[in-house]
Amino acid sequence: MSDRDEFDPADRGDTDGTDTDGADTPETEDSEVAAPAERAPEVVERGEELFYEEGGSKWVIVIGPVMLALTLALEIAGGGRIHWEVLTIFGVILIGFSIMQVIAARRHVSVRLTDCTLRQGTRVTDLDDIAKVYPENTGPEAQDWESAPALGELHAVPRRRKGVGVKLTNGRLAQAWARDVDRFRVELTEAHLAVKMGLPPKGTPPKGTPPEGASSAGDA
């Protein structure tokens, strides 16, 4: 082997921090790696219940059996053949649809207000995040909040419900909603006012009150 072959620099690795093709090796610094965005923590329901609407009545499920009974009675009265197969299929579809409707209604259009939080459907809003509760609009002109989106996962106020205008602390207008909107507005306004005044939730014992079951120091 010649001296040239023995000491050929092409056979050796990089000695000056560059690749063999002359390009610099890129380096990734930990400081340049973007940290994943943290999701805001979900608000959890808490506090004493002040107002509740379940959203869907179980009596809707009764409609299916009642209609089947009427259809069966008509077929018996007609004296012809009773179509049990058709009635069975019709009953399964009707009752199944009614059950799904009630479940969906109780999930997406139920309302629960406590002295700390407001749940509309599946979304929970902390009363601290509400800056203002608007009174009922009794004037001829529409207010800005009446065209605002609804609280919860639904964009608009559900059918057979009415909205209560609220302004959130981030400046966004929205509509809280309920079927019994007059009572709901009163309860929401009072609960929101109590939170803003820093009053403790209902049922909270005054400061200095010993817990239940605790004996006094003088008891033997």
C-alpha atoms as a PDB file:
ATOM      1  CA  MET A   1       0.000   0.000   0.000  1.00  0.00           C
ATOM      2  CA  SER A   2       1.300   3.422  -0.915  1.00  0.00           C
ATOM      3  CA  ASP A   3       1.582   6.344   1.464  1.00  0.00           C
ATOM      4  CA  ARG A   4      -1.106   8.145  -0.515  1.00  0.00           C
ATOM      5  CA  ASP A   5      -3.580   5.296  -0.045  1.00  0.00           C
ATOM      6  CA  GLU A   6      -2.734   4.995   3.627  1.00  0.00           C
ATOM      7  CA  PHE A   7      -3.319   8.652   4.409  1.00  0.00           C
ATOM      8  CA  ASP A   8      -6.093   9.461   1.919  1.00  0.00           C
ATOM      9  CA  PRO A   9      -8.402  11.973   3.709  1.00  0.00           C
ATOM     10  CA  ALA A  10     -11.419  10.609   1.809  1.00  0.00           C
ATOM     11  CA  ASP A  11     -11.120   7.392   3.849  1.00  0.00           C
ATOM     12  CA  ARG A  12     -11.271   9.240   7.161  1.00  0.00           C
ATOM     13  CA  GLY A  13     -14.280  10.618   9.051  1.00  0.00           C
ATOM     14  CA  ASP A  14     -15.082  14.259   9.462  1.00  0.00           C
ATOM     15  CA  THR A  15     -12.392  15.997  11.444  1.00  0.00           C
ATOM     16  CA  ASP A  16     -13.487  19.617  11.281  1.00  0.00           C
ATOM     17  CA  GLY A  17     -17.223  19.378  12.205  1.00  0.00           C
ATOM     18  CA  THR A  18     -18.489  19.224   8.582  1.00  0.00           C
ATOM     19  CA  ASP A  19     -19.958  16.412   6.517  1.00  0.00           C
ATOM     20  CA  THR A  20     -18.007  14.848   3.665  1.00  0.00           C
ATOM     21  CA  ASP A  21     -20.119  16.789   1.190  1.00  0.00           C
ATOM     22  CA  GLY A  22     -19.165  20.059   2.820  1.00  0.00           C
ATOM     23  CA  ALA A  23     -22.593  20.809   4.352  1.00  0.00           C
ATOM     24  CA  ASP A  24     -22.761  21.732   8.030  1.00  0.00           C
ATOM     25  CA  THR A  25     -24.505  19.247  10.305  1.00  0.00           C
ATOM     26  CA  PRO A  26     -27.686  20.883  11.636  1.00  0.00           C
ATOM     27  CA  GLU A  27     -28.061  20.951  15.381  1.00  0.00           C
ATOM     28  CA  THR A  28     -31.387  21.114  17.209  1.00  0.00           C
ATOM     29  CA  GLU A  29     -31.435  23.038  20.440  1.00  0.00           C
ATOM     30  CA  ASP A  30     -33.866  22.092  23.142  1.00  0.00           C
ATOM     31  CA  SER A  31     -34.804  25.732  23.579  1.00  0.00           C
ATOM     32  CA  GLU A  32     -36.061  25.889  19.995  1.00  0.00           C
ATOM     33  CA  VAL A  33     -38.493  22.994  20.421  1.00  0.00           C
ATOM     34  CA  ALA A  34     -41.975  24.415  20.974  1.00  0.00           C
ATOM     35  CA  ALA A  35     -43.721  23.070  24.044  1.00  0.00           C
ATOM     36  CA  PRO A  36     -47.186  21.601  23.429  1.00  0.00           C
ATOM     37  CA  ALA A  37     -50.024  23.955  24.223  1.00  0.00           C
ATOM     38  CA  GLU A  38     -51.690  23.207  27.522  1.00  0.00           C
ATOM     39  CA  ARG A  39     -55.447  22.733  27.465  1.00  0.00           C
ATOM     40  CA  ALA A  40     -57.498  24.820  29.825  1.00  0.00           C
ATOM     41  CA  PRO A  41     -58.817  22.725  32.699  1.00  0.00           C
ATOM     42  CA  GLU A  42     -62.485  21.821  32.442  1.00  0.00           C
ATOM     43  CA  VAL A  43     -64.833  23.399  34.952  1.00  0.00           C
ATOM     44  CA  VAL A  44     -66.370  20.847  37.319  1.00  0.00           C
ATOM     45  CA  GLU A  45     -69.868  21.234  38.737  1.00  0.00           C
ATOM     46  CA  ARG A  46     -69.871  22.120  42.405  1.00  0.00           C
ATOM     47  CA  GLY A  47     -72.061  23.832  44.947  1.00  0.00           C
ATOM     48  CA  GLU A  48     -75.656  23.522  46.080  1.00  0.00           C
ATOM     49  CA  GLU A  49     -78.290  23.082  43.393  1.00  0.00           C
ATOM     50  CA  LEU A  50     -80.527  26.115  42.833  1.00  0.00           C
ATOM     51  CA  PHE A  51     -82.260  25.287  39.549  1.00  0.00           C
ATOM     52  CA  TYR A  52     -82.567  22.144  37.459  1.00  0.00           C
ATOM     53  CA  GLU A  53     -84.305  21.075  34.245  1.00  0.00           C
ATOM     54  CA  GLU A  54     -83.719  17.528  33.055  1.00  0.00           C
ATOM     55  CA  GLY A  55     -84.249  18.409  29.390  1.00  0.00           C
ATOM     56  CA  GLY A  56     -86.315  15.390  28.370  1.00  0.00           C
ATOM     57  CA  SER A  57     -89.303  13.715  29.973  1.00  0.00           C
ATOM     58  CA  LYS A  58     -89.512   9.951  30.304  1.00  0.00           C
ATOM     59  CA  TRP A  59     -93.191  10.158  29.374  1.00  0.00           C
ATOM     60  CA  VAL A  60     -92.117  10.484  25.731  1.00  0.00           C
ATOM     61  CA  ILE A  61     -91.246   6.785  25.834  1.00  0.00           C
ATOM     62  CA  VAL A  62     -94.876   5.964  26.687  1.00  0.00           C
ATOM     63  CA  ILE A  63     -96.032   7.283  23.304  1.00  0.00           C
ATOM     64  CA  GLY A  64     -94.733   4.154  21.533  1.00  0.00           C
ATOM     65  CA  PRO A  65     -96.602   1.552  23.594  1.00  0.00           C
ATOM     66  CA  VAL A  66     -99.795   3.641  23.502  1.00  0.00           C
ATOM     67  CA  MET A  67     -99.719   3.843  19.697  1.00  0.00           C
ATOM     68  CA  LEU A  68     -99.047   0.105  19.451  1.00  0.00           C
ATOM     69  CA  ALA A  69    -101.971  -0.641  21.753  1.00  0.00           C
ATOM     70  CA  LEU A  70    -104.289   1.514  19.641  1.00  0.00           C
ATOM     71  CA  THR A  71    -103.128  -0.135  16.424  1.00  0.00           C
ATOM     72  CA  LEU A  72    -103.597  -3.591  17.918  1.00  0.00           C
ATOM     73  CA  ALA A  73    -107.078  -2.661  19.136  1.00  0.00           C
ATOM     74  CA  LEU A  74    -108.058  -1.497  15.641  1.00  0.00           C
ATOM     75  CA  GLU A  75    -106.843  -4.729  14.062  1.00  0.00           C
ATOM     76  CA  ILE A  76    -108.735  -6.814  16.622  1.00  0.00           C
ATOM     77  CA  ALA A  77    -111.880  -4.765  16.083  1.00  0.00           C
ATOM     78  CA  GLY A  78    -111.577  -5.208  12.319  1.00  0.00           C
ATOM     79  CA  GLY A  79    -111.744  -8.961  12.678  1.00  0.00           C
ATOM     80  CA  GLY A  80    -108.911  -9.576  10.245  1.00  0.00           C
ATOM     81  CA  ARG A  81    -105.472 -11.077  10.665  1.00  0.00           C
ATOM     82  CA  ILE A  82    -103.253  -9.429  13.273  1.00  0.00           C
ATOM     83  CA  HIS A  83     -99.908  -8.508  11.762  1.00  0.00           C
ATOM     84  CA  TRP A  84     -97.648  -9.330  14.691  1.00  0.00           C
ATOM     85  CA  GLU A  85     -94.433  -9.040  12.663  1.00  0.00           C
ATOM     86  CA  VAL A  86     -95.247  -5.525  11.475  1.00  0.00           C
ATOM     87  CA  LEU A  87     -96.359  -4.445  14.929  1.00  0.00           C
ATOM     88  CA  THR A  88     -93.172  -5.814  16.484  1.00  0.00           C
ATOM     89  CA  ILE A  89     -90.889  -4.035  14.021  1.00  0.00           C
ATOM     90  CA  PHE A  90     -92.896  -0.833  14.307  1.00  0.00           C
ATOM     91  CA  GLY A  91     -92.781  -1.024  18.101  1.00  0.00           C
ATOM     92  CA  VAL A  92     -89.020  -1.578  18.261  1.00  0.00           C
ATOM     93  CA  ILE A  93     -88.352   1.361  15.941  1.00  0.00           C
ATOM     94  CA  LEU A  94     -90.774   3.718  17.679  1.00  0.00           C
ATOM     95  CA  ILE A  95     -89.757   2.867  21.236  1.00  0.00           C
ATOM     96  CA  GLY A  96     -86.052   2.869  20.351  1.00  0.00           C
ATOM     97  CA  PHE A  97     -86.335   6.280  18.726  1.00  0.00           C
ATOM     98  CA  SER A  98     -88.192   7.641  21.766  1.00  0.00           C
ATOM     99  CA  ILE A  99     -85.503   6.355  24.137  1.00  0.00           C
ATOM    100  CA  MET A 100     -82.726   7.890  22.029  1.00  0.00           C
ATOM    101  CA  GLN A 101     -84.605  11.186  21.916  1.00  0.00           C
ATOM    102  CA  VAL A 102     -84.953  11.323  25.695  1.00  0.00           C
ATOM    103  CA  ILE A 103     -81.284  10.430  26.246  1.00  0.00           C
ATOM    104  CA  ALA A 104     -80.132  13.101  23.774  1.00  0.00           C
ATOM    105  CA  ALA A 105     -82.423  15.715  25.307  1.00  0.00           C
ATOM    106  CA  ARG A 106     -81.221  15.005  28.844  1.00  0.00           C
ATOM    107  CA  ARG A 107     -77.635  15.255  27.689  1.00  0.00           C
ATOM    108  CA  HIS A 108     -77.743  18.332  25.470  1.00  0.00           C
ATOM    109  CA  VAL A 109     -80.642  20.486  26.704  1.00  0.00           C
ATOM    110  CA  SER A 110     -80.576  19.904  30.452  1.00  0.00           C
ATOM    111  CA  VAL A 111     -79.817  22.812  32.785  1.00  0.00           C
ATOM    112  CA  ARG A 112     -78.303  22.772  36.255  1.00  0.00           C
ATOM    113  CA  LEU A 113     -77.503  25.920  38.183  1.00  0.00           C
ATOM    114  CA  THR A 114     -75.673  25.838  41.499  1.00  0.00           C
ATOM    115  CA  ASP A 115     -74.357  28.660  43.637  1.00  0.00           C
ATOM    116  CA  CYS A 116     -70.953  28.221  41.942  1.00  0.00           C
ATOM    117  CA  THR A 117     -71.476  26.887  38.407  1.00  0.00           C
ATOM    118  CA  LEU A 118     -73.940  26.782  35.518  1.00  0.00           C
ATOM    119  CA  ARG A 119     -74.238  23.717  33.304  1.00  0.00           C
ATOM    120  CA  GLN A 120     -75.975  24.045  29.946  1.00  0.00           C
ATOM    121  CA  GLY A 121     -76.056  20.687  28.205  1.00  0.00           C
ATOM    122  CA  THR A 122     -72.601  19.178  28.669  1.00  0.00           C
ATOM    123  CA  ARG A 123     -70.712  22.461  29.135  1.00  0.00           C
ATOM    124  CA  VAL A 124     -70.094  23.937  32.580  1.00  0.00           C
ATOM    125  CA  THR A 125     -69.448  27.639  33.158  1.00  0.00           C
ATOM    126  CA  ASP A 126     -68.052  29.012  36.381  1.00  0.00           C
ATOM    127  CA  LEU A 127     -70.160  31.887  37.710  1.00  0.00           C
ATOM    128  CA  ASP A 128     -66.893  33.774  38.238  1.00  0.00           C
ATOM    129  CA  ASP A 129     -66.542  33.824  34.437  1.00  0.00           C
ATOM    130  CA  ILE A 130     -69.808  35.752  34.043  1.00  0.00           C
ATOM    131  CA  ALA A 131     -69.357  39.507  34.253  1.00  0.00           C
ATOM    132  CA  LYS A 132     -73.005  40.550  33.892  1.00  0.00           C
ATOM    133  CA  VAL A 133     -76.500  39.074  33.726  1.00  0.00           C
ATOM    134  CA  TYR A 134     -78.855  41.196  31.619  1.00  0.00           C
ATOM    135  CA  PRO A 135     -82.460  41.787  32.680  1.00  0.00           C
ATOM    136  CA  GLU A 136     -85.405  40.843  30.501  1.00  0.00           C
ATOM    137  CA  ASN A 137     -85.810  43.025  27.437  1.00  0.00           C
ATOM    138  CA  THR A 138     -89.169  44.751  27.763  1.00  0.00           C
ATOM    139  CA  GLY A 139     -88.508  47.416  25.152  1.00  0.00           C
ATOM    140  CA  PRO A 140     -89.425  47.414  21.456  1.00  0.00           C
ATOM    141  CA  GLU A 141     -85.815  47.306  20.252  1.00  0.00           C
ATOM    142  CA  ALA A 142     -83.788  44.094  20.205  1.00  0.00           C
ATOM    143  CA  GLN A 143     -80.721  43.946  22.415  1.00  0.00           C
ATOM    144  CA  ASP A 144     -77.297  42.745  21.248  1.00  0.00           C
ATOM    145  CA  TRP A 145     -77.369  39.710  23.534  1.00  0.00           C
ATOM    146  CA  GLU A 146     -80.582  38.442  21.881  1.00  0.00           C
ATOM    147  CA  SER A 147     -78.599  37.531  18.757  1.00  0.00           C
ATOM    148  CA  ALA A 148     -75.634  36.097  20.683  1.00  0.00           C
ATOM    149  CA  PRO A 149     -74.811  32.369  20.580  1.00  0.00           C
ATOM    150  CA  ALA A 150     -76.068  30.091  23.313  1.00  0.00           C
ATOM    151  CA  LEU A 151     -74.014  28.738  26.170  1.00  0.00           C
ATOM    152  CA  GLY A 152     -73.292  25.029  25.887  1.00  0.00           C
ATOM    153  CA  GLU A 153     -72.436  22.920  22.875  1.00  0.00           C
ATOM    154  CA  LEU A 154     -75.475  24.100  20.889  1.00  0.00           C
ATOM    155  CA  HIS A 155     -75.040  27.231  18.796  1.00  0.00           C
ATOM    156  CA  ALA A 156     -78.590  28.531  19.241  1.00  0.00           C
ATOM    157  CA  VAL A 157     -81.076  28.448  22.094  1.00  0.00           C
ATOM    158  CA  PRO A 158     -82.933  25.091  21.971  1.00  0.00           C
ATOM    159  CA  ARG A 159     -86.569  24.929  20.996  1.00  0.00           C
ATOM    160  CA  ARG A 160     -89.149  25.727  23.658  1.00  0.00           C
ATOM    161  CA  ARG A 161     -86.461  27.486  25.671  1.00  0.00           C
ATOM    162  CA  LYS A 162     -85.794  31.204  26.084  1.00  0.00           C
ATOM    163  CA  GLY A 163     -82.506  32.989  26.538  1.00  0.00           C
ATOM    164  CA  VAL A 164     -81.068  35.113  29.333  1.00  0.00           C
ATOM    165  CA  GLY A 165     -78.386  37.511  28.187  1.00  0.00           C
ATOM    166  CA  VAL A 166     -74.980  37.253  29.866  1.00  0.00           C
ATOM    167  CA  LYS A 167     -71.651  38.940  29.314  1.00  0.00           C
ATOM    168  CA  LEU A 168     -68.573  36.846  30.031  1.00  0.00           C
ATOM    169  CA  THR A 169     -65.379  38.163  31.571  1.00  0.00           C
ATOM    170  CA  ASN A 170     -63.624  37.836  28.197  1.00  0.00           C
ATOM    171  CA  GLY A 171     -66.093  40.355  26.732  1.00  0.00           C
ATOM    172  CA  ARG A 172     -68.150  37.830  24.751  1.00  0.00           C
ATOM    173  CA  LEU A 173     -71.941  37.993  24.777  1.00  0.00           C
ATOM    174  CA  ALA A 174     -73.918  34.780  25.133  1.00  0.00           C
ATOM    175  CA  GLN A 175     -77.332  33.472  26.082  1.00  0.00           C
ATOM    176  CA  ALA A 176     -78.004  31.224  29.028  1.00  0.00           C
ATOM    177  CA  TRP A 177     -81.294  29.406  28.500  1.00  0.00           C
ATOM    178  CA  ALA A 178     -84.039  27.444  30.195  1.00  0.00           C
ATOM    179  CA  ARG A 179     -87.677  26.459  29.751  1.00  0.00           C
ATOM    180  CA  ASP A 180     -88.823  28.226  32.939  1.00  0.00           C
ATOM    181  CA  VAL A 181     -86.865  31.308  31.986  1.00  0.00           C
ATOM    182  CA  ASP A 182     -88.400  33.688  34.559  1.00  0.00           C
ATOM    183  CA  ARG A 183     -87.397  31.594  37.550  1.00  0.00           C
ATOM    184  CA  PHE A 184     -84.077  30.750  35.945  1.00  0.00           C
ATOM    185  CA  ARG A 185     -83.251  34.444  35.432  1.00  0.00           C
ATOM    186  CA  VAL A 186     -83.995  35.231  39.077  1.00  0.00           C
ATOM    187  CA  GLU A 187     -81.907  32.338  40.395  1.00  0.00           C
ATOM    188  CA  LEU A 188     -79.004  33.082  38.031  1.00  0.00           C
ATOM    189  CA  THR A 189     -79.006  36.794  38.868  1.00  0.00           C
ATOM    190  CA  GLU A 190     -79.011  36.169  42.618  1.00  0.00           C
ATOM    191  CA  ALA A 191     -76.321  33.470  42.430  1.00  0.00           C
ATOM    192  CA  HIS A 192     -74.118  35.653  40.232  1.00  0.00           C
ATOM    193  CA  LEU A 193     -74.542  38.624  42.570  1.00  0.00           C
ATOM    194  CA  ALA A 194     -73.595  36.482  45.573  1.00  0.00           C
ATOM    195  CA  VAL A 195     -70.430  35.297  43.811  1.00  0.00           C
ATOM    196  CA  LYS A 196     -69.415  38.847  42.882  1.00  0.00           C
ATOM    197  CA  MET A 197     -69.977  40.006  46.471  1.00  0.00           C
ATOM    198  CA  GLY A 198     -67.792  37.173  47.728  1.00  0.00           C
ATOM    199  CA  LEU A 199     -70.542  35.548  49.760  1.00  0.00           C
ATOM    200  CA  PRO A 200     -69.890  31.896  50.687  1.00  0.00           C
ATOM    201  CA  PRO A 201     -71.971  29.193  48.988  1.00  0.00           C
ATOM    202  CA  LYS A 202     -75.194  28.161  50.667  1.00  0.00           C
ATOM    203  CA  GLY A 203     -74.717  25.556  53.353  1.00  0.00           C
ATOM    204  CA  THR A 204     -71.187  26.717  54.189  1.00  0.00           C
ATOM    205  CA  PRO A 205     -70.825  27.038  57.988  1.00  0.00           C
ATOM    206  CA  PRO A 206     -69.630  30.419  59.306  1.00  0.00           C
ATOM    207  CA  LYS A 207     -65.981  30.821  60.102  1.00  0.00           C
ATOM    208  CA  GLY A 208     -65.118  29.607  63.566  1.00  0.00           C
ATOM    209  CA  THR A 209     -67.949  27.070  63.676  1.00  0.00           C
ATOM    210  CA  PRO A 210     -66.593  23.699  64.833  1.00  0.00           C
ATOM    211  CA  PRO A 211     -67.254  20.758  62.499  1.00  0.00           C
ATOM    212  CA  GLU A 212     -70.092  18.397  63.246  1.00  0.00           C
ATOM    213  CA  GLY A 213     -69.250  15.729  65.807  1.00  0.00           C
ATOM    214  CA  ALA A 214     -66.401  17.714  67.291  1.00  0.00           C
ATOM    215  CA  SER A 215     -66.619  17.847  71.070  1.00  0.00           C
ATOM    216  CA  SER A 216     -65.884  20.984  73.001  1.00  0.00           C
ATOM    217  CA  ALA A 217     -62.697  21.289  74.960  1.00  0.00           C
ATOM    218  CA  GLY A 218     -64.601  21.139  78.257  1.00  0.00           C
ATOM    219  CA  ASP A 219     -66.327  17.812  77.558  1.00  0.00           C
ATOM    220  CA  ALA A 220     -65.045  14.945  79.697  1.00  0.00           C
END
